[in-house]
Amino acid sequence: MIQGLYSLEEVSRLISEGKFLLLAGDEILLTKLPPGNWIAGTTPYFMTSNREMITSQEHIFVSQLSGFITGATIREYDETNIRNIYVDAPVNGFTMLIAPNSSKVLFEYALNAPNYPKFACTPVCGWIAGWLLKETLTGKSYSVSGLNPVLLDNKAVAMHVSLPANKYAEINMFSSFKAQPGSPSIMFDDDGWVQENAVIDGVRQNFAEYIRKNRIKTEYPLISNYAGAPVCVSYLKTEGNKVYTYAPIFKGVEFHFSETSRQAPGLLLSGGDIIYSMSCILNFQRPELCGTYIEKMNGPVTFGEIAYQLVNQTTVYLTVGEL
């Protein structure tokens, strides 16, 4: 399987050969690609198997799917039809989803995916497109579909991939964080990205004030347990009496403060070949907290990860194994 950074000319040749491709790169490069069997998102950052983050606006990251799949279909989604993504997914296979940052379709998916028809019946993974960090105030992120290679800032693109009967896909996650021993139980009143009050060990109080009073380290994300999987929600900022996060908080879900995990990530690899992997840019901005990564990871550095639903500060990887 082809996987790694390639030139515009090399990627164009793969497309012309009819290969099914998952791409990531600079917006200017992506708009120069010919139509074909591919989807893409914008990011100038990539991780390599030797634990480095590379910045490149001259190369495109390629993951080729051709050779082990039976077919794939490409679809575009906005906030009105993204709820159909699990219904559209193949019976045996997986879906790769790429969404622009801060788009309506992302907000809809992040907040409501667990309520979609057939949620989690098929593996849906993917990532949130980004931009150069130095252009935070002016940068924009885009998804792109090979069906019509134009920049989309308000639509997500998906590739629904079918596998032969003797193969199966599985989503895996690795976080460098675990629940802090003795952390209070934290439950919030509302769903969303902005929180004011929380019930902390049974006492309702202002969450921002609690963070300040107890000198909580907000470089460590909140962490919860979703069906046995640790899910991180990272802090964006604390402002006045409000706390802003990079992913939505869900009411009724118990959260805890976190600390770094010393568990060796290599032990968490499941069977099968790693088909695609991605890791949050917050990991690479804070190497003192997240300095150990799975050595086999090789893919885009993202502004949010999708493992059935939106997560933060997480490494997500998709494997395909044989029955």
C-alpha atoms as a PDB file:
ATOM      1  CA  MET A   1       0.000   0.000   0.000  1.00  0.00           C
ATOM      2  CA  ILE A   2       1.320   3.436  -0.962  1.00  0.00           C
ATOM      3  CA  GLN A   3       1.458   5.801   2.018  1.00  0.00           C
ATOM      4  CA  GLY A   4       3.534   8.936   2.555  1.00  0.00           C
ATOM      5  CA  LEU A   5       4.352  12.363   1.152  1.00  0.00           C
ATOM      6  CA  TYR A   6       4.346  12.734  -2.638  1.00  0.00           C
ATOM      7  CA  SER A   7       4.696  15.520  -5.187  1.00  0.00           C
ATOM      8  CA  LEU A   8       1.777  17.010  -7.085  1.00  0.00           C
ATOM      9  CA  GLU A   9       2.908  15.229 -10.237  1.00  0.00           C
ATOM     10  CA  GLU A  10       3.147  11.842  -8.506  1.00  0.00           C
ATOM     11  CA  VAL A  11      -0.312  12.186  -6.955  1.00  0.00           C
ATOM     12  CA  SER A  12      -1.814  13.289 -10.271  1.00  0.00           C
ATOM     13  CA  ARG A  13      -0.406  10.148 -11.898  1.00  0.00           C
ATOM     14  CA  LEU A  14      -1.969   7.902  -9.232  1.00  0.00           C
ATOM     15  CA  ILE A  15      -5.307   9.623  -9.785  1.00  0.00           C
ATOM     16  CA  SER A  16      -5.068   9.167 -13.554  1.00  0.00           C
ATOM     17  CA  GLU A  17      -4.503   5.437 -12.947  1.00  0.00           C
ATOM     18  CA  GLY A  18      -7.860   5.253 -11.164  1.00  0.00           C
ATOM     19  CA  LYS A  19      -6.465   4.612  -7.683  1.00  0.00           C
ATOM     20  CA  PHE A  20      -8.679   5.219  -4.639  1.00  0.00           C
ATOM     21  CA  LEU A  21      -6.842   7.774  -2.494  1.00  0.00           C
ATOM     22  CA  LEU A  22      -7.157   9.611   0.826  1.00  0.00           C
ATOM     23  CA  LEU A  23      -5.212  12.885   0.589  1.00  0.00           C
ATOM     24  CA  ALA A  24      -4.085  15.755   2.810  1.00  0.00           C
ATOM     25  CA  GLY A  25      -2.175  18.875   1.869  1.00  0.00           C
ATOM     26  CA  ASP A  26      -2.070  22.578   1.121  1.00  0.00           C
ATOM     27  CA  GLU A  27      -5.168  24.074  -0.497  1.00  0.00           C
ATOM     28  CA  ILE A  28      -3.283  25.323  -3.560  1.00  0.00           C
ATOM     29  CA  LEU A  29      -1.952  21.850  -4.335  1.00  0.00           C
ATOM     30  CA  LEU A  30      -5.316  20.158  -3.822  1.00  0.00           C
ATOM     31  CA  THR A  31      -7.072  22.413  -6.329  1.00  0.00           C
ATOM     32  CA  LYS A  32      -4.483  21.492  -8.986  1.00  0.00           C
ATOM     33  CA  LEU A  33      -5.347  17.797  -8.831  1.00  0.00           C
ATOM     34  CA  PRO A  34      -7.457  16.203 -11.573  1.00  0.00           C
ATOM     35  CA  PRO A  35     -10.884  14.695 -10.827  1.00  0.00           C
ATOM     36  CA  GLY A  36     -10.866  11.100  -9.657  1.00  0.00           C
ATOM     37  CA  ASN A  37     -11.420   8.629  -6.859  1.00  0.00           C
ATOM     38  CA  TRP A  38     -10.159  10.702  -3.955  1.00  0.00           C
ATOM     39  CA  ILE A  39     -11.111  12.926  -1.038  1.00  0.00           C
ATOM     40  CA  ALA A  40      -8.881  15.388   0.797  1.00  0.00           C
ATOM     41  CA  GLY A  41      -8.572  17.960   3.539  1.00  0.00           C
ATOM     42  CA  THR A  42      -6.218  20.861   4.150  1.00  0.00           C
ATOM     43  CA  THR A  43      -3.316  20.655   6.591  1.00  0.00           C
ATOM     44  CA  PRO A  44       0.360  21.594   6.223  1.00  0.00           C
ATOM     45  CA  TYR A  45       1.390  19.248   9.039  1.00  0.00           C
ATOM     46  CA  PHE A  46       2.208  15.555   8.868  1.00  0.00           C
ATOM     47  CA  MET A  47       3.578  12.915  11.232  1.00  0.00           C
ATOM     48  CA  THR A  48       6.101  10.325  10.239  1.00  0.00           C
ATOM     49  CA  SER A  49       6.946   6.950  11.684  1.00  0.00           C
ATOM     50  CA  ASN A  50      10.035   8.350  13.414  1.00  0.00           C
ATOM     51  CA  ARG A  51       7.843  10.546  15.652  1.00  0.00           C
ATOM     52  CA  GLU A  52       8.452  13.809  13.845  1.00  0.00           C
ATOM     53  CA  MET A  53       6.020  16.472  12.739  1.00  0.00           C
ATOM     54  CA  ILE A  54       6.858  17.782   9.277  1.00  0.00           C
ATOM     55  CA  THR A  55       5.564  21.057   7.851  1.00  0.00           C
ATOM     56  CA  SER A  56       5.207  21.030   4.070  1.00  0.00           C
ATOM     57  CA  GLN A  57       3.220  23.067   1.568  1.00  0.00           C
ATOM     58  CA  GLU A  58       4.961  21.376  -1.372  1.00  0.00           C
ATOM     59  CA  HIS A  59       3.843  17.779  -0.808  1.00  0.00           C
ATOM     60  CA  ILE A  60       0.586  15.876  -0.463  1.00  0.00           C
ATOM     61  CA  PHE A  61       0.123  13.036   1.987  1.00  0.00           C
ATOM     62  CA  VAL A  62      -1.250   9.959   0.226  1.00  0.00           C
ATOM     63  CA  SER A  63      -2.926   6.829   1.555  1.00  0.00           C
ATOM     64  CA  GLN A  64      -3.822   4.473  -1.277  1.00  0.00           C
ATOM     65  CA  LEU A  65      -6.765   2.134  -0.739  1.00  0.00           C
ATOM     66  CA  SER A  66      -6.661   0.331  -4.068  1.00  0.00           C
ATOM     67  CA  GLY A  67      -5.641  -3.327  -3.930  1.00  0.00           C
ATOM     68  CA  PHE A  68      -7.514  -4.573  -0.875  1.00  0.00           C
ATOM     69  CA  ILE A  69     -11.001  -3.022  -1.254  1.00  0.00           C
ATOM     70  CA  THR A  70     -13.919  -4.033  -3.461  1.00  0.00           C
ATOM     71  CA  GLY A  71     -15.045  -0.492  -4.229  1.00  0.00           C
ATOM     72  CA  ALA A  72     -15.771   2.955  -2.839  1.00  0.00           C
ATOM     73  CA  THR A  73     -18.231   5.807  -3.276  1.00  0.00           C
ATOM     74  CA  ILE A  74     -17.679   9.496  -2.582  1.00  0.00           C
ATOM     75  CA  ARG A  75     -20.319  11.803  -1.129  1.00  0.00           C
ATOM     76  CA  GLU A  76     -20.526  15.378   0.084  1.00  0.00           C
ATOM     77  CA  TYR A  77     -22.452  16.272   3.225  1.00  0.00           C
ATOM     78  CA  ASP A  78     -23.717  19.498   4.732  1.00  0.00           C
ATOM     79  CA  GLU A  79     -25.538  20.142   7.993  1.00  0.00           C
ATOM     80  CA  THR A  80     -28.849  19.012   6.472  1.00  0.00           C
ATOM     81  CA  ASN A  81     -27.860  15.487   5.423  1.00  0.00           C
ATOM     82  CA  ILE A  82     -24.814  14.498   7.501  1.00  0.00           C
ATOM     83  CA  ARG A  83     -27.174  12.508   9.740  1.00  0.00           C
ATOM     84  CA  ASN A  84     -27.396   9.962   6.920  1.00  0.00           C
ATOM     85  CA  ILE A  85     -23.704   9.089   6.964  1.00  0.00           C
ATOM     86  CA  TYR A  86     -24.129   5.822   8.888  1.00  0.00           C
ATOM     87  CA  VAL A  87     -27.105   4.842   6.731  1.00  0.00           C
ATOM     88  CA  ASP A  88     -24.978   5.445   3.611  1.00  0.00           C
ATOM     89  CA  ALA A  89     -22.053   3.411   4.975  1.00  0.00           C
ATOM     90  CA  PRO A  90     -21.315  -0.044   3.505  1.00  0.00           C
ATOM     91  CA  VAL A  91     -22.486  -3.221   5.227  1.00  0.00           C
ATOM     92  CA  ASN A  92     -18.880  -4.426   5.483  1.00  0.00           C
ATOM     93  CA  GLY A  93     -16.228  -1.747   5.290  1.00  0.00           C
ATOM     94  CA  PHE A  94     -15.570   1.702   6.689  1.00  0.00           C
ATOM     95  CA  THR A  95     -16.130   5.400   6.024  1.00  0.00           C
ATOM     96  CA  MET A  96     -13.478   8.119   5.993  1.00  0.00           C
ATOM     97  CA  LEU A  97     -14.892  11.580   6.787  1.00  0.00           C
ATOM     98  CA  ILE A  98     -13.114  14.950   6.447  1.00  0.00           C
ATOM     99  CA  ALA A  99     -14.763  18.184   7.615  1.00  0.00           C
ATOM    100  CA  PRO A 100     -13.655  21.842   7.576  1.00  0.00           C
ATOM    101  CA  ASN A 101     -12.956  23.427  10.948  1.00  0.00           C
ATOM    102  CA  SER A 102     -15.716  25.609  12.436  1.00  0.00           C
ATOM    103  CA  SER A 103     -18.176  24.650   9.685  1.00  0.00           C
ATOM    104  CA  LYS A 104     -21.895  24.134  10.273  1.00  0.00           C
ATOM    105  CA  VAL A 105     -21.619  20.521   9.192  1.00  0.00           C
ATOM    106  CA  LEU A 106     -18.893  19.902  11.787  1.00  0.00           C
ATOM    107  CA  PHE A 107     -20.942  21.489  14.568  1.00  0.00           C
ATOM    108  CA  GLU A 108     -23.952  19.383  13.585  1.00  0.00           C
ATOM    109  CA  TYR A 109     -21.947  16.155  13.448  1.00  0.00           C
ATOM    110  CA  ALA A 110     -19.994  16.799  16.644  1.00  0.00           C
ATOM    111  CA  LEU A 111     -23.096  17.553  18.660  1.00  0.00           C
ATOM    112  CA  ASN A 112     -25.532  15.004  17.278  1.00  0.00           C
ATOM    113  CA  ALA A 113     -23.652  12.029  15.753  1.00  0.00           C
ATOM    114  CA  PRO A 114     -24.524   9.631  18.628  1.00  0.00           C
ATOM    115  CA  ASN A 115     -28.199  10.184  17.794  1.00  0.00           C
ATOM    116  CA  TYR A 116     -27.894   9.428  14.065  1.00  0.00           C
ATOM    117  CA  PRO A 117     -29.604   6.358  12.582  1.00  0.00           C
ATOM    118  CA  LYS A 118     -27.327   3.296  12.730  1.00  0.00           C
ATOM    119  CA  PHE A 119     -24.673   5.188  14.723  1.00  0.00           C
ATOM    120  CA  ALA A 120     -21.515   3.073  15.173  1.00  0.00           C
ATOM    121  CA  CYS A 121     -22.896   0.171  13.115  1.00  0.00           C
ATOM    122  CA  THR A 122     -20.024   0.786  10.655  1.00  0.00           C
ATOM    123  CA  PRO A 123     -16.600   2.305  11.479  1.00  0.00           C
ATOM    124  CA  VAL A 124     -16.608   6.018  10.653  1.00  0.00           C
ATOM    125  CA  CYS A 125     -13.309   7.778  11.236  1.00  0.00           C
ATOM    126  CA  GLY A 126     -11.619  10.864   9.911  1.00  0.00           C
ATOM    127  CA  TRP A 127     -10.338  14.277  10.762  1.00  0.00           C
ATOM    128  CA  ILE A 128     -10.864  18.026  10.848  1.00  0.00           C
ATOM    129  CA  ALA A 129      -9.011  20.111   8.279  1.00  0.00           C
ATOM    130  CA  GLY A 130      -6.729  22.947   9.360  1.00  0.00           C
ATOM    131  CA  TRP A 131      -4.231  25.598   8.311  1.00  0.00           C
ATOM    132  CA  LEU A 132      -0.822  27.050   9.197  1.00  0.00           C
ATOM    133  CA  LEU A 133      -0.818  27.960  12.874  1.00  0.00           C
ATOM    134  CA  LYS A 134       0.813  31.321  12.201  1.00  0.00           C
ATOM    135  CA  GLU A 135      -2.286  32.168  10.141  1.00  0.00           C
ATOM    136  CA  THR A 136      -4.722  31.413  12.962  1.00  0.00           C
ATOM    137  CA  LEU A 137      -6.514  34.747  12.587  1.00  0.00           C
ATOM    138  CA  THR A 138      -6.819  34.557   8.795  1.00  0.00           C
ATOM    139  CA  GLY A 139      -6.424  30.891   7.871  1.00  0.00           C
ATOM    140  CA  LYS A 140      -9.276  28.785   6.514  1.00  0.00           C
ATOM    141  CA  SER A 141      -9.702  25.057   6.231  1.00  0.00           C
ATOM    142  CA  TYR A 142     -11.299  23.087   3.426  1.00  0.00           C
ATOM    143  CA  SER A 143     -12.407  19.656   2.362  1.00  0.00           C
ATOM    144  CA  VAL A 144     -12.171  18.602  -1.282  1.00  0.00           C
ATOM    145  CA  SER A 145     -13.925  15.889  -3.288  1.00  0.00           C
ATOM    146  CA  GLY A 146     -12.327  14.286  -6.318  1.00  0.00           C
ATOM    147  CA  LEU A 147     -15.763  14.319  -7.961  1.00  0.00           C
ATOM    148  CA  ASN A 148     -15.430  18.103  -8.332  1.00  0.00           C
ATOM    149  CA  PRO A 149     -12.064  19.407  -7.041  1.00  0.00           C
ATOM    150  CA  VAL A 150     -13.075  22.751  -5.564  1.00  0.00           C
ATOM    151  CA  LEU A 151     -12.454  24.003  -2.043  1.00  0.00           C
ATOM    152  CA  LEU A 152     -15.387  23.379   0.299  1.00  0.00           C
ATOM    153  CA  ASP A 153     -15.540  25.380   3.517  1.00  0.00           C
ATOM    154  CA  ASN A 154     -19.108  24.403   4.400  1.00  0.00           C
ATOM    155  CA  LYS A 155     -19.283  20.729   3.419  1.00  0.00           C
ATOM    156  CA  ALA A 156     -17.709  17.504   4.631  1.00  0.00           C
ATOM    157  CA  VAL A 157     -16.545  14.852   2.196  1.00  0.00           C
ATOM    158  CA  ALA A 158     -16.731  11.126   2.790  1.00  0.00           C
ATOM    159  CA  MET A 159     -15.447   7.996   1.098  1.00  0.00           C
ATOM    160  CA  HIS A 160     -17.569   4.932   1.836  1.00  0.00           C
ATOM    161  CA  VAL A 161     -15.235   1.963   1.351  1.00  0.00           C
ATOM    162  CA  SER A 162     -16.432  -1.636   0.867  1.00  0.00           C
ATOM    163  CA  LEU A 163     -14.287  -4.598   1.919  1.00  0.00           C
ATOM    164  CA  PRO A 164     -14.389  -8.251   0.816  1.00  0.00           C
ATOM    165  CA  ALA A 165     -16.261 -10.668   3.080  1.00  0.00           C
ATOM    166  CA  ASN A 166     -13.048 -12.057   4.598  1.00  0.00           C
ATOM    167  CA  LYS A 167     -11.829  -8.652   5.838  1.00  0.00           C
ATOM    168  CA  TYR A 168     -13.017  -6.277   8.549  1.00  0.00           C
ATOM    169  CA  ALA A 169     -12.214  -2.709   9.616  1.00  0.00           C
ATOM    170  CA  GLU A 170     -11.677  -1.506  13.171  1.00  0.00           C
ATOM    171  CA  ILE A 171     -11.153   1.975  14.660  1.00  0.00           C
ATOM    172  CA  ASN A 172      -8.535   2.309  17.393  1.00  0.00           C
ATOM    173  CA  MET A 173      -7.626   5.261  19.597  1.00  0.00           C
ATOM    174  CA  PHE A 174      -4.665   6.132  21.751  1.00  0.00           C
ATOM    175  CA  SER A 175      -4.583   9.000  24.215  1.00  0.00           C
ATOM    176  CA  SER A 176      -1.574  10.166  26.201  1.00  0.00           C
ATOM    177  CA  PHE A 177      -3.927  10.924  29.097  1.00  0.00           C
ATOM    178  CA  LYS A 178      -5.831   9.011  31.764  1.00  0.00           C
ATOM    179  CA  ALA A 179      -8.252  10.003  34.492  1.00  0.00           C
ATOM    180  CA  GLN A 180      -6.461  11.630  37.398  1.00  0.00           C
ATOM    181  CA  PRO A 181      -6.647   9.465  40.538  1.00  0.00           C
ATOM    182  CA  GLY A 182      -8.988  11.098  43.019  1.00  0.00           C
ATOM    183  CA  SER A 183     -10.428  13.440  40.408  1.00  0.00           C
ATOM    184  CA  PRO A 184     -13.907  14.632  41.284  1.00  0.00           C
ATOM    185  CA  SER A 185     -16.873  13.531  39.204  1.00  0.00           C
ATOM    186  CA  ILE A 186     -17.841  16.340  36.813  1.00  0.00           C
ATOM    187  CA  MET A 187     -21.187  16.501  35.045  1.00  0.00           C
ATOM    188  CA  PHE A 188     -22.512  19.409  33.013  1.00  0.00           C
ATOM    189  CA  ASP A 189     -25.962  20.890  32.544  1.00  0.00           C
ATOM    190  CA  ASP A 190     -25.822  21.417  28.791  1.00  0.00           C
ATOM    191  CA  ASP A 191     -24.525  19.957  25.535  1.00  0.00           C
ATOM    192  CA  GLY A 192     -22.093  22.174  23.656  1.00  0.00           C
ATOM    193  CA  TRP A 193     -18.749  23.924  23.419  1.00  0.00           C
ATOM    194  CA  VAL A 194     -19.372  26.564  26.121  1.00  0.00           C
ATOM    195  CA  GLN A 195     -20.016  25.647  29.737  1.00  0.00           C
ATOM    196  CA  GLU A 196     -20.828  27.705  32.806  1.00  0.00           C
ATOM    197  CA  ASN A 197     -22.063  25.464  35.605  1.00  0.00           C
ATOM    198  CA  ALA A 198     -21.128  21.901  36.486  1.00  0.00           C
ATOM    199  CA  VAL A 199     -22.062  19.437  39.212  1.00  0.00           C
ATOM    200  CA  ILE A 200     -18.728  18.585  40.799  1.00  0.00           C
ATOM    201  CA  ASP A 201     -18.910  15.731  43.287  1.00  0.00           C
ATOM    202  CA  GLY A 202     -22.590  16.485  43.735  1.00  0.00           C
ATOM    203  CA  VAL A 203     -22.234  20.250  44.178  1.00  0.00           C
ATOM    204  CA  ARG A 204     -23.384  22.615  41.409  1.00  0.00           C
ATOM    205  CA  GLN A 205     -20.912  25.470  40.926  1.00  0.00           C
ATOM    206  CA  ASN A 206     -19.372  27.674  38.272  1.00  0.00           C
ATOM    207  CA  PHE A 207     -16.828  25.588  36.377  1.00  0.00           C
ATOM    208  CA  ALA A 208     -14.519  28.470  35.375  1.00  0.00           C
ATOM    209  CA  GLU A 209     -14.305  29.652  38.973  1.00  0.00           C
ATOM    210  CA  TYR A 210     -13.586  26.101  40.147  1.00  0.00           C
ATOM    211  CA  ILE A 211     -10.719  25.833  37.645  1.00  0.00           C
ATOM    212  CA  ARG A 212      -9.187  29.103  38.815  1.00  0.00           C
ATOM    213  CA  LYS A 213      -9.663  28.416  42.521  1.00  0.00           C
ATOM    214  CA  ASN A 214      -8.139  24.935  42.338  1.00  0.00           C
ATOM    215  CA  ARG A 215      -5.437  25.861  39.801  1.00  0.00           C
ATOM    216  CA  ILE A 216      -6.489  23.138  37.399  1.00  0.00           C
ATOM    217  CA  LYS A 217      -3.986  22.585  34.578  1.00  0.00           C
ATOM    218  CA  THR A 218      -6.002  23.237  31.443  1.00  0.00           C
ATOM    219  CA  GLU A 219      -3.246  21.882  29.194  1.00  0.00           C
ATOM    220  CA  TYR A 220      -4.576  18.503  30.344  1.00  0.00           C
ATOM    221  CA  PRO A 221      -7.949  17.696  28.739  1.00  0.00           C
ATOM    222  CA  LEU A 222     -11.121  16.583  30.419  1.00  0.00           C
ATOM    223  CA  ILE A 223     -11.571  12.849  29.970  1.00  0.00           C
ATOM    224  CA  SER A 224     -14.587  10.556  29.988  1.00  0.00           C
ATOM    225  CA  ASN A 225     -15.366   6.933  29.237  1.00  0.00           C
ATOM    226  CA  TYR A 226     -17.533   6.198  26.210  1.00  0.00           C
ATOM    227  CA  ALA A 227     -18.356   2.492  26.035  1.00  0.00           C
ATOM    228  CA  GLY A 228     -14.942   1.594  27.443  1.00  0.00           C
ATOM    229  CA  ALA A 229     -12.927   4.055  25.318  1.00  0.00           C
ATOM    230  CA  PRO A 230     -11.247   7.108  26.917  1.00  0.00           C
ATOM    231  CA  VAL A 231     -12.442  10.257  25.134  1.00  0.00           C
ATOM    232  CA  CYS A 232     -10.626  13.574  25.574  1.00  0.00           C
ATOM    233  CA  VAL A 233     -12.181  17.027  25.339  1.00  0.00           C
ATOM    234  CA  SER A 234      -9.558  19.770  25.298  1.00  0.00           C
ATOM    235  CA  TYR A 235      -9.883  23.243  26.756  1.00  0.00           C
ATOM    236  CA  LEU A 236      -9.832  26.140  24.318  1.00  0.00           C
ATOM    237  CA  LYS A 237      -9.921  28.933  26.897  1.00  0.00           C
ATOM    238  CA  THR A 238     -11.438  30.087  30.174  1.00  0.00           C
ATOM    239  CA  GLU A 239     -12.957  33.537  29.912  1.00  0.00           C
ATOM    240  CA  GLY A 240     -14.951  35.201  32.670  1.00  0.00           C
ATOM    241  CA  ASN A 241     -17.451  32.689  34.019  1.00  0.00           C
ATOM    242  CA  LYS A 242     -17.355  30.485  30.916  1.00  0.00           C
ATOM    243  CA  VAL A 243     -15.168  27.592  29.783  1.00  0.00           C
ATOM    244  CA  TYR A 244     -14.731  26.972  26.042  1.00  0.00           C
ATOM    245  CA  THR A 245     -13.707  23.579  24.641  1.00  0.00           C
ATOM    246  CA  TYR A 246     -12.496  22.222  21.279  1.00  0.00           C
ATOM    247  CA  ALA A 247     -15.176  19.510  21.192  1.00  0.00           C
ATOM    248  CA  PRO A 248     -18.668  19.456  22.647  1.00  0.00           C
ATOM    249  CA  ILE A 249     -19.414  18.447  26.204  1.00  0.00           C
ATOM    250  CA  PHE A 250     -22.412  16.156  26.621  1.00  0.00           C
ATOM    251  CA  LYS A 251     -24.752  16.453  29.563  1.00  0.00           C
ATOM    252  CA  GLY A 252     -25.260  13.267  31.491  1.00  0.00           C
ATOM    253  CA  VAL A 253     -21.699  12.107  30.764  1.00  0.00           C
ATOM    254  CA  GLU A 254     -19.275  11.884  33.678  1.00  0.00           C
ATOM    255  CA  PHE A 255     -15.968  13.672  33.110  1.00  0.00           C
ATOM    256  CA  HIS A 256     -12.753  13.779  35.121  1.00  0.00           C
ATOM    257  CA  PHE A 257      -9.608  15.868  35.185  1.00  0.00           C
ATOM    258  CA  SER A 258      -6.716  14.038  33.546  1.00  0.00           C
ATOM    259  CA  GLU A 259      -3.000  13.465  33.832  1.00  0.00           C
ATOM    260  CA  THR A 260      -0.422  12.030  31.449  1.00  0.00           C
ATOM    261  CA  SER A 261      -0.453   8.296  30.932  1.00  0.00           C
ATOM    262  CA  ARG A 262       2.753   6.284  31.083  1.00  0.00           C
ATOM    263  CA  GLN A 263       1.268   3.275  29.313  1.00  0.00           C
ATOM    264  CA  ALA A 264       3.323   2.161  26.323  1.00  0.00           C
ATOM    265  CA  PRO A 265       1.208   2.838  23.225  1.00  0.00           C
ATOM    266  CA  GLY A 266       2.806   0.040  21.213  1.00  0.00           C
ATOM    267  CA  LEU A 267       0.980  -2.486  23.380  1.00  0.00           C
ATOM    268  CA  LEU A 268      -2.359  -1.072  22.277  1.00  0.00           C
ATOM    269  CA  LEU A 269      -2.036  -2.009  18.614  1.00  0.00           C
ATOM    270  CA  SER A 270      -4.688  -4.456  17.488  1.00  0.00           C
ATOM    271  CA  GLY A 271      -4.425  -7.023  14.737  1.00  0.00           C
ATOM    272  CA  GLY A 272      -4.492  -6.042  11.092  1.00  0.00           C
ATOM    273  CA  ASP A 273      -2.654  -3.522   8.959  1.00  0.00           C
ATOM    274  CA  ILE A 274      -2.830   0.188   9.765  1.00  0.00           C
ATOM    275  CA  ILE A 275      -4.641   1.694   6.786  1.00  0.00           C
ATOM    276  CA  TYR A 276      -4.858   5.281   8.015  1.00  0.00           C
ATOM    277  CA  SER A 277      -3.708   7.212  11.051  1.00  0.00           C
ATOM    278  CA  MET A 278      -3.995  10.779  12.302  1.00  0.00           C
ATOM    279  CA  SER A 279      -3.050  12.673  15.438  1.00  0.00           C
ATOM    280  CA  CYS A 280      -4.144  15.965  16.981  1.00  0.00           C
ATOM    281  CA  ILE A 281      -1.948  19.014  16.543  1.00  0.00           C
ATOM    282  CA  LEU A 282      -2.266  19.660  20.296  1.00  0.00           C
ATOM    283  CA  ASN A 283      -0.132  16.557  20.818  1.00  0.00           C
ATOM    284  CA  PHE A 284       2.697  18.041  18.795  1.00  0.00           C
ATOM    285  CA  GLN A 285       2.392  21.469  20.382  1.00  0.00           C
ATOM    286  CA  ARG A 286       2.920  19.897  23.806  1.00  0.00           C
ATOM    287  CA  PRO A 287       5.667  17.289  23.420  1.00  0.00           C
ATOM    288  CA  GLU A 288       6.402  17.439  27.142  1.00  0.00           C
ATOM    289  CA  LEU A 289       2.943  15.915  27.700  1.00  0.00           C
ATOM    290  CA  CYS A 290       2.624  13.731  24.616  1.00  0.00           C
ATOM    291  CA  GLY A 291       6.169  12.794  23.750  1.00  0.00           C
ATOM    292  CA  THR A 292       5.523   9.107  23.160  1.00  0.00           C
ATOM    293  CA  TYR A 293       3.549   8.062  20.086  1.00  0.00           C
ATOM    294  CA  ILE A 294       2.840   4.813  18.343  1.00  0.00           C
ATOM    295  CA  GLU A 295       5.896   4.314  16.175  1.00  0.00           C
ATOM    296  CA  LYS A 296       3.915   2.958  13.233  1.00  0.00           C
ATOM    297  CA  MET A 297       1.838   6.130  12.881  1.00  0.00           C
ATOM    298  CA  ASN A 298       2.173   7.915   9.561  1.00  0.00           C
ATOM    299  CA  GLY A 299      -0.406  10.480   8.446  1.00  0.00           C
ATOM    300  CA  PRO A 300      -1.840  13.993   8.725  1.00  0.00           C
ATOM    301  CA  VAL A 301      -1.632  16.123  11.847  1.00  0.00           C
ATOM    302  CA  THR A 302      -5.181  17.299  12.365  1.00  0.00           C
ATOM    303  CA  PHE A 303      -7.330  19.919  14.077  1.00  0.00           C
ATOM    304  CA  GLY A 304      -9.642  17.305  15.568  1.00  0.00           C
ATOM    305  CA  GLU A 305     -10.160  13.589  15.097  1.00  0.00           C
ATOM    306  CA  ILE A 306     -13.228  11.506  14.308  1.00  0.00           C
ATOM    307  CA  ALA A 307     -13.618   8.078  15.876  1.00  0.00           C
ATOM    308  CA  TYR A 308     -17.348   7.579  15.374  1.00  0.00           C
ATOM    309  CA  GLN A 309     -17.683  11.076  16.900  1.00  0.00           C
ATOM    310  CA  LEU A 310     -15.430  14.100  17.381  1.00  0.00           C
ATOM    311  CA  VAL A 311     -12.528  13.754  19.842  1.00  0.00           C
ATOM    312  CA  ASN A 312      -9.503  15.907  20.742  1.00  0.00           C
ATOM    313  CA  GLN A 313      -5.854  15.431  21.622  1.00  0.00           C
ATOM    314  CA  THR A 314      -6.051  11.837  20.424  1.00  0.00           C
ATOM    315  CA  THR A 315      -4.303   9.564  17.944  1.00  0.00           C
ATOM    316  CA  VAL A 316      -6.832   7.663  15.828  1.00  0.00           C
ATOM    317  CA  TYR A 317      -5.942   4.823  13.505  1.00  0.00           C
ATOM    318  CA  LEU A 318      -7.898   2.433  11.300  1.00  0.00           C
ATOM    319  CA  THR A 319      -6.870  -1.174  10.810  1.00  0.00           C
ATOM    320  CA  VAL A 320      -8.072  -3.779   8.335  1.00  0.00           C
ATOM    321  CA  GLY A 321      -7.700  -7.404   9.335  1.00  0.00           C
ATOM    322  CA  GLU A 322      -8.755 -10.823   8.036  1.00  0.00           C
ATOM    323  CA  LEU A 323     -11.425 -13.023   9.542  1.00  0.00           C
END
